C-alpha cells in the first residue's frame, strides 16, 4: 500500500445501513459497510469494490454518509496505485467519454490543483485557442478555501457553464475553446464526489485529487494536458514533496491513457495576483488579456500557455511557445477569442469592455499595517478562507456564492510597508461576515523587519525532458 500505516480497527461490528448490495466478480455480495471497513483497516480494495462504490453512489443507492466515511478512510489510509487507477477509470466511465476526432487541431487542456487568486484558466483557454489549439475545458467549482473556475465565469452576467455536450461541441467548433462544468453526461460520479469532499474535510488526499482531476480531464477527449500543481500555504499540497508526488501520480495516469502530459509545480505561498473573489478575479483576467495585470499572474499564464502550445505542436521549444503566447496577447487575438467564447456561452460581452458591469460589493473595509517593515509572509489559506467567509465560496454543500465579494491585496510578500498603510481591502455585502474576515486577514499578514528570501514562481517541471 502507498497510504499511511494501519491505524487500528474499531472494536465491535457496524450494522449495514443500506439494503443495496453489489456482486463481486466471483459472485459474492458487496456491501458498502464492508468496503468502508476494509479501507478503514488499510486494506486494498478490488476493482469490483471500487466499481460498486462509484456506481452505487452515482445511482443514488449509497447515501452521502457512507461515501463520506469511505472518503475519510481513503484520506487517512491512502490508496494504492492500482486503486487510484481503478477509481479514476470508474469515474471516467460513469458517463460519456467525448470523441473529438472531428477537430483536426490538437486538443490540449490545462488544470490547476487549486489555489487562492488562481484565475489562469480564464486566460489560458482563449489564449491557447487563439494559437490554433482546441481547448475543451471542463472545470469545477470552489473547493475548500480555493476558488473555482466555474464560479468565476458565472460572475460574468449570463455566462452559461451548464452546456449540453452537443452545445459544448458547437462552441468548440465556432471558436476553438469552451469552458463548462461536468454535465449529466460527463464524469457524473466525479461531480458528486467533488461536492461531498468539499464539505467533509477530505479534499487534500492526493489519490482522490488525482482521480477527480484525471477522470473529468480524460473524458474531454484531449491529446495533451498541462497540470499546474500548487505548493505552499495556500495549496492543498503544502510541501514540494507532496506536490511532486501528486504531479507524478497524475502524469503517470495520463501517460498510461496515451496522453501527452507535463506538470508544473508552482508557488502558492501567497495569493496569485492581487485580487481574490470571483468578479474581482475576472477583472484581473481582463487586465492580463490586455497585456497588463500583476507580474506573477502574467508570467505564470505565459509559462503555462507555452507548455500548452508546445504539447499541441505549435512551437518546437518552450522559449518559442512563450514568445508566441506573448504575441497573441499583445495583438489582441487572445482577448477577442475570450469575447467570442463569452458571447457563444450567453455572457454579457459588454462587461469585457466595461468591467463596472460585473457584480460589485456594496461596502469596503481596509486592513492596515500595525507597524512599519516588510511583508514577511501572508498565510495564503487564511486569505482563501476569508473570501469564503465573505460569501465568495461555500462553507456548506448547499451554499450559494456571492460573486461580488472578495479581497484586493495592496501589499504582497517582500513589499515595504509603513505603519497605518493599507495591506488589503475587503469587499463585502454583510457586516457580520466582514467582521469575521477582518480578524482572519489581520492574522494572515506577518510584518517582518527585513524582506524574506524570494521564492520561485515555478519550482520544478515533471517530466523535465523537453528542451527549453
Protein backbone atom coordinates (compact mmCIF):
# COMPACT_ATOMS: atom_id res chain seq x y z
CA UNK A 1 0.00 0.00 0.00
CA UNK A 2 1.13 3.56 -0.69
CA UNK A 3 -1.08 5.05 2.02
CA UNK A 4 -0.42 5.51 5.71
CA UNK A 5 0.13 2.65 8.12
CA UNK A 6 -2.83 0.73 9.52
CA UNK A 7 -4.48 2.93 12.14
CA UNK A 8 -6.27 0.18 14.06
CA UNK A 9 -9.76 -1.20 13.65
CA UNK A 10 -12.56 -0.08 15.90
CA UNK A 11 -13.97 -2.70 18.23
CA UNK A 12 -17.42 -4.04 17.59
CA UNK A 13 -19.49 -4.54 14.48
CA UNK A 14 -21.23 -1.91 12.38
CA UNK A 15 -24.68 -2.83 11.12
CA UNK A 16 -25.34 -2.32 7.41
CA UNK A 17 -27.39 0.78 6.63
CA UNK A 18 -28.44 0.19 3.04
CA UNK A 19 -30.11 -2.83 1.52
CA UNK A 20 -28.44 -2.41 -1.86
CA UNK A 21 -25.62 -4.87 -2.46
CA UNK A 22 -23.35 -5.45 -5.44
CA UNK A 23 -21.76 -8.53 -6.87
CA UNK A 24 -18.04 -9.23 -6.86
CA UNK A 25 -16.54 -10.99 -9.86
CA UNK A 26 -16.72 -14.30 -8.01
CA UNK A 27 -20.42 -13.87 -7.29
CA UNK A 28 -20.16 -12.86 -3.63
CA UNK A 29 -22.18 -9.90 -2.41
CA UNK A 30 -20.57 -6.48 -1.82
CA UNK A 31 -21.95 -4.17 0.85
CA UNK A 32 -20.97 -0.54 1.33
CA UNK A 33 -20.28 -1.04 5.03
CA UNK A 34 -17.84 -3.87 4.26
CA UNK A 35 -15.96 -1.73 1.75
CA UNK A 36 -15.77 1.09 4.31
CA UNK A 37 -14.41 -1.30 6.94
CA UNK A 38 -11.85 -2.70 4.53
CA UNK A 39 -10.43 0.72 3.67
CA UNK A 40 -10.68 1.82 7.33
CA UNK A 41 -8.40 -1.12 8.14
CA UNK A 42 -5.95 -0.08 5.38
CA UNK A 43 -6.57 -2.99 3.02
CA UNK A 44 -6.52 -2.67 -0.78
CA UNK A 45 -9.92 -2.62 -2.49
CA UNK A 46 -10.64 -4.71 -5.56
CA UNK A 47 -11.75 -3.24 -8.87
CA UNK A 48 -15.22 -4.69 -8.25
CA UNK A 49 -15.48 -2.98 -4.85
CA UNK A 50 -14.45 0.38 -6.26
CA UNK A 51 -16.84 0.00 -9.19
CA UNK A 52 -19.61 -0.83 -6.72
CA UNK A 53 -18.99 2.32 -4.65
CA UNK A 54 -18.82 4.63 -7.67
CA UNK A 55 -21.80 3.07 -9.41
CA UNK A 56 -23.90 2.88 -6.24
CA UNK A 57 -23.31 6.48 -5.24
CA UNK A 58 -23.85 7.78 -8.77
CA UNK A 59 -27.19 5.96 -8.95
CA UNK A 60 -28.29 7.18 -5.53
CA UNK A 61 -28.18 3.70 -4.00
CA UNK A 62 -25.46 4.54 -1.44
CA UNK A 63 -26.09 7.57 0.80
CA UNK A 64 -23.81 10.54 1.41
CA UNK A 65 -22.91 9.48 4.92
CA UNK A 66 -21.47 6.14 3.82
CA UNK A 67 -19.43 7.66 0.99
CA UNK A 68 -18.27 10.34 3.46
CA UNK A 69 -17.00 7.59 5.75
CA UNK A 70 -15.20 5.90 2.88
CA UNK A 71 -13.65 9.19 1.73
CA UNK A 72 -12.28 9.81 5.21
CA UNK A 73 -10.84 6.28 5.34
CA UNK A 74 -9.23 6.85 1.93
CA UNK A 75 -7.80 10.17 3.12
CA UNK A 76 -6.31 8.66 6.29
CA UNK A 77 -5.01 5.38 4.84
CA UNK A 78 -4.34 6.34 1.23
CA UNK A 79 -4.92 4.36 -1.95
CA UNK A 80 -2.54 2.13 -3.89
CA UNK A 81 -1.60 2.96 -7.48
CA UNK A 82 -3.99 0.22 -8.63
CA UNK A 83 -6.84 1.61 -6.51
CA UNK A 84 -6.16 5.13 -7.82
CA UNK A 85 -6.18 3.93 -11.44
CA UNK A 86 -9.35 1.91 -10.87
CA UNK A 87 -11.11 4.82 -9.14
CA UNK A 88 -10.11 7.17 -11.98
CA UNK A 89 -11.35 4.70 -14.59
CA UNK A 90 -14.63 4.05 -12.75
CA UNK A 91 -15.31 7.79 -12.51
CA UNK A 92 -14.26 8.33 -16.13
CA UNK A 93 -16.67 5.67 -17.39
CA UNK A 94 -19.56 6.72 -15.14
CA UNK A 95 -20.57 8.89 -18.09
CA UNK A 96 -19.71 9.76 -21.68
CA UNK A 97 -16.12 9.96 -22.92
CA UNK A 98 -16.00 12.54 -25.69
CA UNK A 99 -14.67 11.76 -29.13
CA UNK A 100 -13.31 14.98 -30.64
CA UNK A 101 -11.74 13.38 -33.71
CA UNK A 102 -13.76 15.78 -35.88
CA UNK A 103 -11.38 18.58 -34.83
CA UNK A 104 -8.10 18.34 -36.77
CA UNK A 105 -6.17 20.62 -34.40
CA UNK A 106 -4.53 19.26 -31.27
CA UNK A 107 -6.83 19.13 -28.25
CA UNK A 108 -4.95 20.38 -25.18
CA UNK A 109 -6.22 21.45 -21.77
CA UNK A 110 -4.77 22.78 -18.52
CA UNK A 111 -5.80 22.05 -14.96
CA UNK A 112 -4.79 23.56 -11.63
CA UNK A 113 -4.97 21.71 -8.33
CA UNK A 114 -6.46 24.83 -6.79
CA UNK A 115 -5.15 27.94 -5.17
CA UNK A 116 -6.07 31.39 -3.92
CA UNK A 117 -6.45 34.02 -6.63
CA UNK A 118 -5.70 31.41 -9.29
CA UNK A 119 -7.61 32.59 -12.34
CA UNK A 120 -5.20 31.38 -15.03
CA UNK A 121 -7.74 29.11 -16.75
CA UNK A 122 -9.77 32.11 -17.88
CA UNK A 123 -6.67 33.47 -19.62
CA UNK A 124 -5.32 30.19 -20.96
CA UNK A 125 -8.37 28.77 -22.72
CA UNK A 126 -8.79 31.71 -25.13
CA UNK A 127 -5.04 32.25 -25.38
CA UNK A 128 -4.31 28.67 -26.46
CA UNK A 129 -7.31 28.69 -28.81
CA UNK A 130 -6.00 31.89 -30.40
CA UNK A 131 -2.78 29.94 -31.01
CA UNK A 132 -4.60 27.29 -33.03
CA UNK A 133 -5.38 24.67 -30.39
CA UNK A 134 -8.76 23.27 -29.40
CA UNK A 135 -9.35 23.69 -25.66
CA UNK A 136 -12.31 21.65 -24.31
CA UNK A 137 -12.08 22.81 -20.68
CA UNK A 138 -14.30 21.07 -18.13
CA UNK A 139 -13.80 22.72 -14.76
CA UNK A 140 -15.04 22.65 -11.19
CA UNK A 141 -16.38 24.97 -8.53
CA UNK A 142 -14.66 26.29 -5.44
CA UNK A 143 -13.28 23.57 -3.20
CA UNK A 144 -12.44 24.30 0.43
CA UNK A 145 -10.52 27.58 0.66
CA UNK A 146 -9.73 27.64 -3.08
CA UNK A 147 -11.70 29.38 -5.79
CA UNK A 148 -13.43 27.61 -8.67
CA UNK A 149 -13.24 28.38 -12.38
CA UNK A 150 -17.00 27.93 -12.83
CA UNK A 151 -17.79 30.37 -10.03
CA UNK A 152 -15.50 32.95 -11.64
CA UNK A 153 -17.09 32.50 -15.06
CA UNK A 154 -20.58 32.86 -13.60
CA UNK A 155 -19.57 36.27 -12.26
CA UNK A 156 -19.91 37.37 -15.91
CA UNK A 157 -23.64 38.13 -16.20
CA UNK A 158 -25.41 35.49 -18.28
CA UNK A 159 -22.41 33.18 -18.76
CA UNK A 160 -23.71 29.62 -19.02
CA UNK A 161 -21.35 26.91 -17.75
CA UNK A 162 -24.07 24.23 -17.96
CA UNK A 163 -23.92 23.46 -21.66
CA UNK A 164 -25.05 20.13 -23.05
CA UNK A 165 -22.43 18.03 -24.77
CA UNK A 166 -23.89 18.91 -28.18
CA UNK A 167 -23.77 22.65 -27.41
CA UNK A 168 -20.24 22.23 -25.99
CA UNK A 169 -19.19 20.83 -29.38
CA UNK A 170 -20.87 23.72 -31.20
CA UNK A 171 -18.95 26.30 -29.17
CA UNK A 172 -15.68 24.43 -29.73
CA UNK A 173 -16.40 24.30 -33.44
CA UNK A 174 -17.13 28.03 -33.53
CA UNK A 175 -14.22 29.45 -31.54
CA UNK A 176 -11.87 26.65 -30.51
CA UNK A 177 -12.49 26.86 -26.76
CA UNK A 178 -15.34 26.28 -24.36
CA UNK A 179 -15.45 26.27 -20.56
CA UNK A 180 -18.12 24.25 -18.79
CA UNK A 181 -18.79 22.16 -15.70
CA UNK A 182 -19.41 18.45 -15.61
CA UNK A 183 -22.68 17.73 -17.34
CA UNK A 184 -25.00 14.82 -16.64
CA UNK A 185 -23.16 13.03 -19.44
CA UNK A 186 -19.54 13.74 -18.44
CA UNK A 187 -18.00 12.14 -15.33
CA UNK A 188 -21.17 12.38 -13.21
CA UNK A 189 -19.51 10.40 -10.42
CA UNK A 190 -16.77 13.00 -10.05
CA UNK A 191 -19.30 15.80 -9.79
CA UNK A 192 -20.98 14.04 -6.86
CA UNK A 193 -17.75 13.03 -5.10
CA UNK A 194 -16.29 16.51 -5.66
CA UNK A 195 -19.09 18.37 -3.89
CA UNK A 196 -19.06 15.90 -0.99
CA UNK A 197 -15.29 16.14 -0.49
CA UNK A 198 -15.60 19.91 -0.22
CA UNK A 199 -17.70 19.69 2.95
CA UNK A 200 -16.30 16.57 4.65
CA UNK A 201 -12.67 17.57 5.15
CA UNK A 202 -11.41 15.10 2.55
CA UNK A 203 -10.13 17.46 -0.11
CA UNK A 204 -6.40 17.01 0.47
CA UNK A 205 -5.94 13.33 -0.45
CA UNK A 206 -3.60 13.16 -3.48
CA UNK A 207 -5.29 9.94 -4.62
CA UNK A 208 -8.77 11.47 -4.56
CA UNK A 209 -7.47 14.64 -6.22
CA UNK A 210 -5.83 12.57 -8.97
CA UNK A 211 -8.98 10.53 -9.63
CA UNK A 212 -11.15 13.65 -9.65
CA UNK A 213 -8.97 15.67 -12.00
CA UNK A 214 -8.00 12.91 -14.38
CA UNK A 215 -11.47 11.39 -14.72
CA UNK A 216 -13.04 14.60 -15.99
CA UNK A 217 -10.00 15.64 -18.00
CA UNK A 218 -9.66 12.30 -19.78
CA UNK A 219 -13.39 12.43 -20.53
CA UNK A 220 -12.75 15.55 -22.63
CA UNK A 221 -11.15 13.62 -25.48
CA UNK A 222 -7.90 15.58 -25.23
CA UNK A 223 -4.48 14.77 -26.72
CA UNK A 224 -2.44 16.55 -24.05
CA UNK A 225 -2.78 18.05 -20.59
CA UNK A 226 -0.74 20.65 -18.69
CA UNK A 227 -1.06 20.34 -14.92
CA UNK A 228 -0.45 23.26 -12.58
CA UNK A 229 0.21 21.60 -9.21
CA UNK A 230 0.27 24.19 -6.43
CA UNK A 231 2.53 24.04 -3.39
CA UNK A 232 2.71 26.27 -0.32
CA UNK A 233 0.48 27.58 2.43
CA UNK A 234 -2.47 28.23 0.10
CA UNK A 235 -2.31 24.87 -1.68
CA UNK A 236 -3.76 21.51 -0.73
CA UNK A 237 -0.22 20.16 -1.11
CA UNK A 238 1.74 22.21 1.44
CA UNK A 239 5.22 20.91 0.56
CA UNK A 240 7.16 20.47 -2.66
CA UNK A 241 7.48 16.77 -1.84
CA UNK A 242 3.71 16.27 -1.60
CA UNK A 243 3.11 18.36 -4.72
CA UNK A 244 5.67 16.34 -6.70
CA UNK A 245 4.04 13.10 -5.53
CA UNK A 246 0.62 14.25 -6.75
CA UNK A 247 2.10 15.56 -10.01
CA UNK A 248 3.85 12.27 -10.69
CA UNK A 249 0.66 10.35 -9.91
CA UNK A 250 -1.36 12.38 -12.42
CA UNK A 251 1.32 12.42 -15.12
CA UNK A 252 1.67 8.64 -14.85
CA UNK A 253 -2.12 8.17 -15.01
CA UNK A 254 -2.40 10.33 -18.13
CA UNK A 255 0.55 8.69 -19.85
CA UNK A 256 -0.99 5.26 -19.22
CA UNK A 257 -4.00 6.52 -21.17
CA UNK A 258 -1.80 7.64 -24.07
CA UNK A 259 -1.88 11.39 -23.39
CA UNK A 260 0.93 13.93 -23.63
CA UNK A 261 1.48 15.14 -20.08
CA UNK A 262 3.51 17.68 -18.15
CA UNK A 263 3.13 19.03 -14.62
CA UNK A 264 4.50 22.31 -13.29
CA UNK A 265 4.96 22.64 -9.53
CA UNK A 266 4.11 26.30 -8.91
CA UNK A 267 4.14 28.55 -5.88
CA UNK A 268 1.04 29.16 -3.78
CA UNK A 269 2.65 30.53 -0.63
CA UNK A 270 0.77 33.76 -1.26
CA UNK A 271 -2.24 34.56 -3.46
CA UNK A 272 -1.67 34.71 -7.21
CA UNK A 273 -2.22 38.22 -8.50
CA UNK A 274 -3.80 40.96 -6.40
CA UNK A 275 -7.48 40.02 -6.37
CA UNK A 276 -9.31 37.18 -4.67
CA UNK A 277 -13.03 36.74 -5.32
CA UNK A 278 -14.99 35.85 -8.42
CA UNK A 279 -15.87 39.14 -10.15
CA UNK A 280 -12.65 40.74 -8.89
CA UNK A 281 -10.63 37.96 -10.49
CA UNK A 282 -12.47 38.33 -13.80
CA UNK A 283 -11.37 41.98 -13.81
CA UNK A 284 -7.77 40.88 -13.34
CA UNK A 285 -8.10 38.33 -16.16
CA UNK A 286 -9.18 41.14 -18.49
CA UNK A 287 -6.13 43.17 -17.43
CA UNK A 288 -3.83 40.28 -18.38
CA UNK A 289 -5.58 39.70 -21.70
CA UNK A 290 -4.95 43.38 -22.44
CA UNK A 291 -1.24 42.97 -21.80
CA UNK A 292 -1.19 44.19 -18.20
CA UNK A 293 -2.06 42.72 -14.84
CA UNK A 294 0.17 41.70 -11.92
CA UNK A 295 3.60 40.38 -12.89
CA UNK A 296 3.28 37.00 -11.18
CA UNK A 297 -0.09 36.22 -12.77
CA UNK A 298 1.05 37.37 -16.20
CA UNK A 299 4.27 35.35 -16.02
CA UNK A 300 2.54 32.15 -14.91
CA UNK A 301 -0.07 32.47 -17.68
CA UNK A 302 2.69 32.79 -20.28
CA UNK A 303 4.56 29.79 -18.86
CA UNK A 304 1.50 27.53 -18.79
CA UNK A 305 0.34 28.70 -22.22
CA UNK A 306 3.80 27.93 -23.60
CA UNK A 307 3.56 24.33 -22.41
CA UNK A 308 0.07 24.00 -23.89
CA UNK A 309 1.27 25.31 -27.26
CA UNK A 310 4.35 23.08 -27.09
CA UNK A 311 2.39 19.90 -26.30
CA UNK A 312 -0.02 20.84 -29.09
CA UNK A 313 2.80 21.07 -31.64
CA UNK A 314 2.53 24.81 -32.19
CA UNK A 315 6.13 25.50 -31.17
CA UNK A 316 9.28 23.37 -31.06
CA UNK A 317 10.61 24.80 -27.79
CA UNK A 318 9.18 26.42 -24.67
CA UNK A 319 11.02 29.66 -25.47
CA UNK A 320 9.36 29.84 -28.90
CA UNK A 321 5.99 28.95 -27.41
CA UNK A 322 6.25 31.63 -24.71
CA UNK A 323 7.11 34.22 -27.37
CA UNK A 324 4.07 33.14 -29.39
CA UNK A 325 1.83 33.40 -26.32
CA UNK A 326 3.06 36.94 -25.65
CA UNK A 327 2.36 37.93 -29.24
CA UNK A 328 -1.18 36.51 -29.08
CA UNK A 329 -1.88 38.74 -26.07
CA UNK A 330 -0.21 41.87 -27.45
CA UNK A 331 -2.04 41.56 -30.77
CA UNK A 332 -5.41 41.37 -29.02
CA UNK A 333 -6.18 37.94 -30.51
CA UNK A 334 -6.50 36.27 -27.11
CA UNK A 335 -8.91 38.93 -25.82
CA UNK A 336 -11.00 38.69 -28.98
CA UNK A 337 -11.17 34.92 -28.54
CA UNK A 338 -12.31 35.39 -24.94
CA UNK A 339 -15.04 37.81 -26.05
CA UNK A 340 -16.15 35.32 -28.70
CA UNK A 341 -16.39 32.49 -26.16
CA UNK A 342 -18.31 34.66 -23.69
CA UNK A 343 -20.82 35.59 -26.40
CA UNK A 344 -21.30 31.97 -27.50
CA UNK A 345 -21.94 30.91 -23.90
CA UNK A 346 -24.53 33.62 -23.28
CA UNK A 347 -22.37 36.06 -21.32
CA UNK A 348 -22.57 39.85 -21.37
CA UNK A 349 -19.71 40.91 -23.65
CA UNK A 350 -20.28 44.49 -22.53
CA UNK A 351 -18.66 43.53 -19.22
CA UNK A 352 -15.43 42.79 -21.09
CA UNK A 353 -15.17 46.37 -22.31
CA UNK A 354 -16.67 47.87 -19.15
CA UNK A 355 -15.83 45.78 -16.03
CA UNK A 356 -18.11 48.00 -13.92
CA UNK A 357 -20.91 45.86 -15.34
CA UNK A 358 -19.58 42.94 -13.30
CA UNK A 359 -21.11 42.40 -9.82
CA UNK A 360 -19.90 44.95 -7.25
CA UNK A 361 -19.88 44.70 -3.46
CA UNK A 362 -21.73 47.45 -1.58
CA UNK A 363 -19.10 48.03 1.10
CA UNK A 364 -15.34 48.06 1.55
CA UNK A 365 -13.02 47.91 4.54
CA UNK A 366 -9.25 48.49 4.61
CA UNK A 367 -6.93 46.35 6.73
CA UNK A 368 -3.95 48.49 7.81
CA UNK A 369 -0.43 47.54 8.86
CA UNK A 370 0.18 47.64 12.63
CA UNK A 371 3.81 48.67 12.13
CA UNK A 372 6.47 49.52 9.56
CA UNK A 373 8.64 46.88 7.94
CA UNK A 374 8.23 44.33 5.16
CA UNK A 375 5.51 41.82 4.41
CA UNK A 376 7.33 38.71 5.58
CA UNK A 377 4.52 36.25 4.85
CA UNK A 378 0.84 36.00 4.03
CA UNK A 379 -0.95 32.92 5.32
CA UNK A 380 -2.45 32.16 1.96
CA UNK A 381 -5.02 29.62 3.12
CA UNK A 382 -6.39 32.21 5.55
CA UNK A 383 -6.92 34.62 2.65
CA UNK A 384 -8.92 31.97 0.80
CA UNK A 385 -10.91 31.19 3.92
CA UNK A 386 -11.61 34.89 4.47
CA UNK A 387 -13.01 35.10 0.95
CA UNK A 388 -15.25 32.08 1.67
CA UNK A 389 -16.44 33.74 4.89
CA UNK A 390 -17.34 36.89 2.95
CA UNK A 391 -19.55 34.72 0.73
CA UNK A 392 -17.15 34.15 -2.17
CA UNK A 393 -17.11 30.38 -1.57
CA UNK A 394 -19.10 27.62 0.14
CA UNK A 395 -18.97 26.67 3.80
CA UNK A 396 -21.75 24.09 3.28
CA UNK A 397 -22.61 21.98 0.24
CA UNK A 398 -25.86 23.85 -0.42
CA UNK A 399 -24.44 27.40 -0.04
CA UNK A 400 -24.74 29.90 -2.86
CA UNK A 401 -21.83 32.13 -3.85
CA UNK A 402 -21.81 35.93 -3.85
CA UNK A 403 -19.81 36.85 -6.99
CA UNK A 404 -19.22 40.45 -5.88
CA UNK A 405 -17.29 39.94 -2.65
CA UNK A 406 -13.59 39.35 -2.17
CA UNK A 407 -10.25 40.82 -1.21
CA UNK A 408 -7.98 43.28 -3.02
CA UNK A 409 -4.34 42.97 -1.97
CA UNK A 410 -2.29 46.17 -1.88
CA UNK A 411 0.83 44.60 -0.38
CA UNK A 412 2.37 41.20 -1.03
CA UNK A 413 5.36 39.32 0.32
CA UNK A 414 8.65 41.35 0.06
CA UNK A 415 6.79 44.69 -0.18
CA UNK A 416 7.85 47.58 2.07
CA UNK A 417 5.07 48.88 4.30
CA UNK A 418 4.74 51.74 6.79
CA UNK A 419 2.57 51.75 9.90
CA UNK A 420 -1.05 52.54 9.08
CA UNK A 421 -0.67 51.76 5.37
CA UNK A 422 -3.38 49.64 3.74
CA UNK A 423 -2.41 45.97 3.33
CA UNK A 424 -5.64 44.91 1.65
CA UNK A 425 -9.27 45.89 1.20
CA UNK A 426 -12.25 43.67 1.96
CA UNK A 427 -15.16 43.98 -0.49
CA UNK A 428 -18.30 42.81 1.30
CA UNK A 429 -22.09 42.82 1.46
CA UNK A 430 -22.59 41.55 5.04
CA UNK A 431 -21.29 43.34 8.15
CA UNK A 432 -21.29 40.13 10.19
CA UNK A 433 -19.24 38.29 7.58
CA UNK A 434 -16.85 41.24 7.22
CA UNK A 435 -16.04 41.18 10.92
CA UNK A 436 -15.00 37.52 10.83
CA UNK A 437 -12.98 38.02 7.64
CA UNK A 438 -11.26 41.13 9.05
CA UNK A 439 -9.93 39.20 12.04
CA UNK A 440 -8.60 36.44 9.80
CA UNK A 441 -6.89 38.86 7.39
CA UNK A 442 -5.25 40.77 10.24
CA UNK A 443 -3.78 37.49 11.45
CA UNK A 444 -2.79 36.45 7.92
CA UNK A 445 -0.32 39.30 7.29
CA UNK A 446 3.02 38.93 9.06
CA UNK A 447 5.19 42.07 9.14
CA UNK A 448 8.95 41.50 9.43
CA UNK A 449 11.97 43.76 9.95
CA UNK A 450 13.56 42.62 6.67
CA UNK A 451 12.34 41.22 3.39
CA UNK A 452 12.30 37.39 3.16
CA UNK A 453 14.20 35.43 0.53
CA UNK A 454 12.28 35.32 -2.77
CA UNK A 455 10.51 32.12 -3.85
CA UNK A 456 10.49 30.91 -7.44
CA UNK A 457 7.14 31.01 -9.22
CA UNK A 458 7.81 27.64 -10.92
CA UNK A 459 9.55 25.21 -8.56
CA UNK A 460 10.04 22.26 -10.92
CA UNK A 461 8.65 20.53 -14.00
CA UNK A 462 7.60 16.86 -14.22
CA UNK A 463 8.71 15.35 -16.52
CA UNK A 464 11.53 17.81 -17.34
CA UNK A 465 12.51 16.16 -20.63
CA UNK A 466 11.52 18.78 -23.19
CA UNK A 467 14.07 21.35 -24.36
CA UNK A 468 13.51 24.93 -23.32
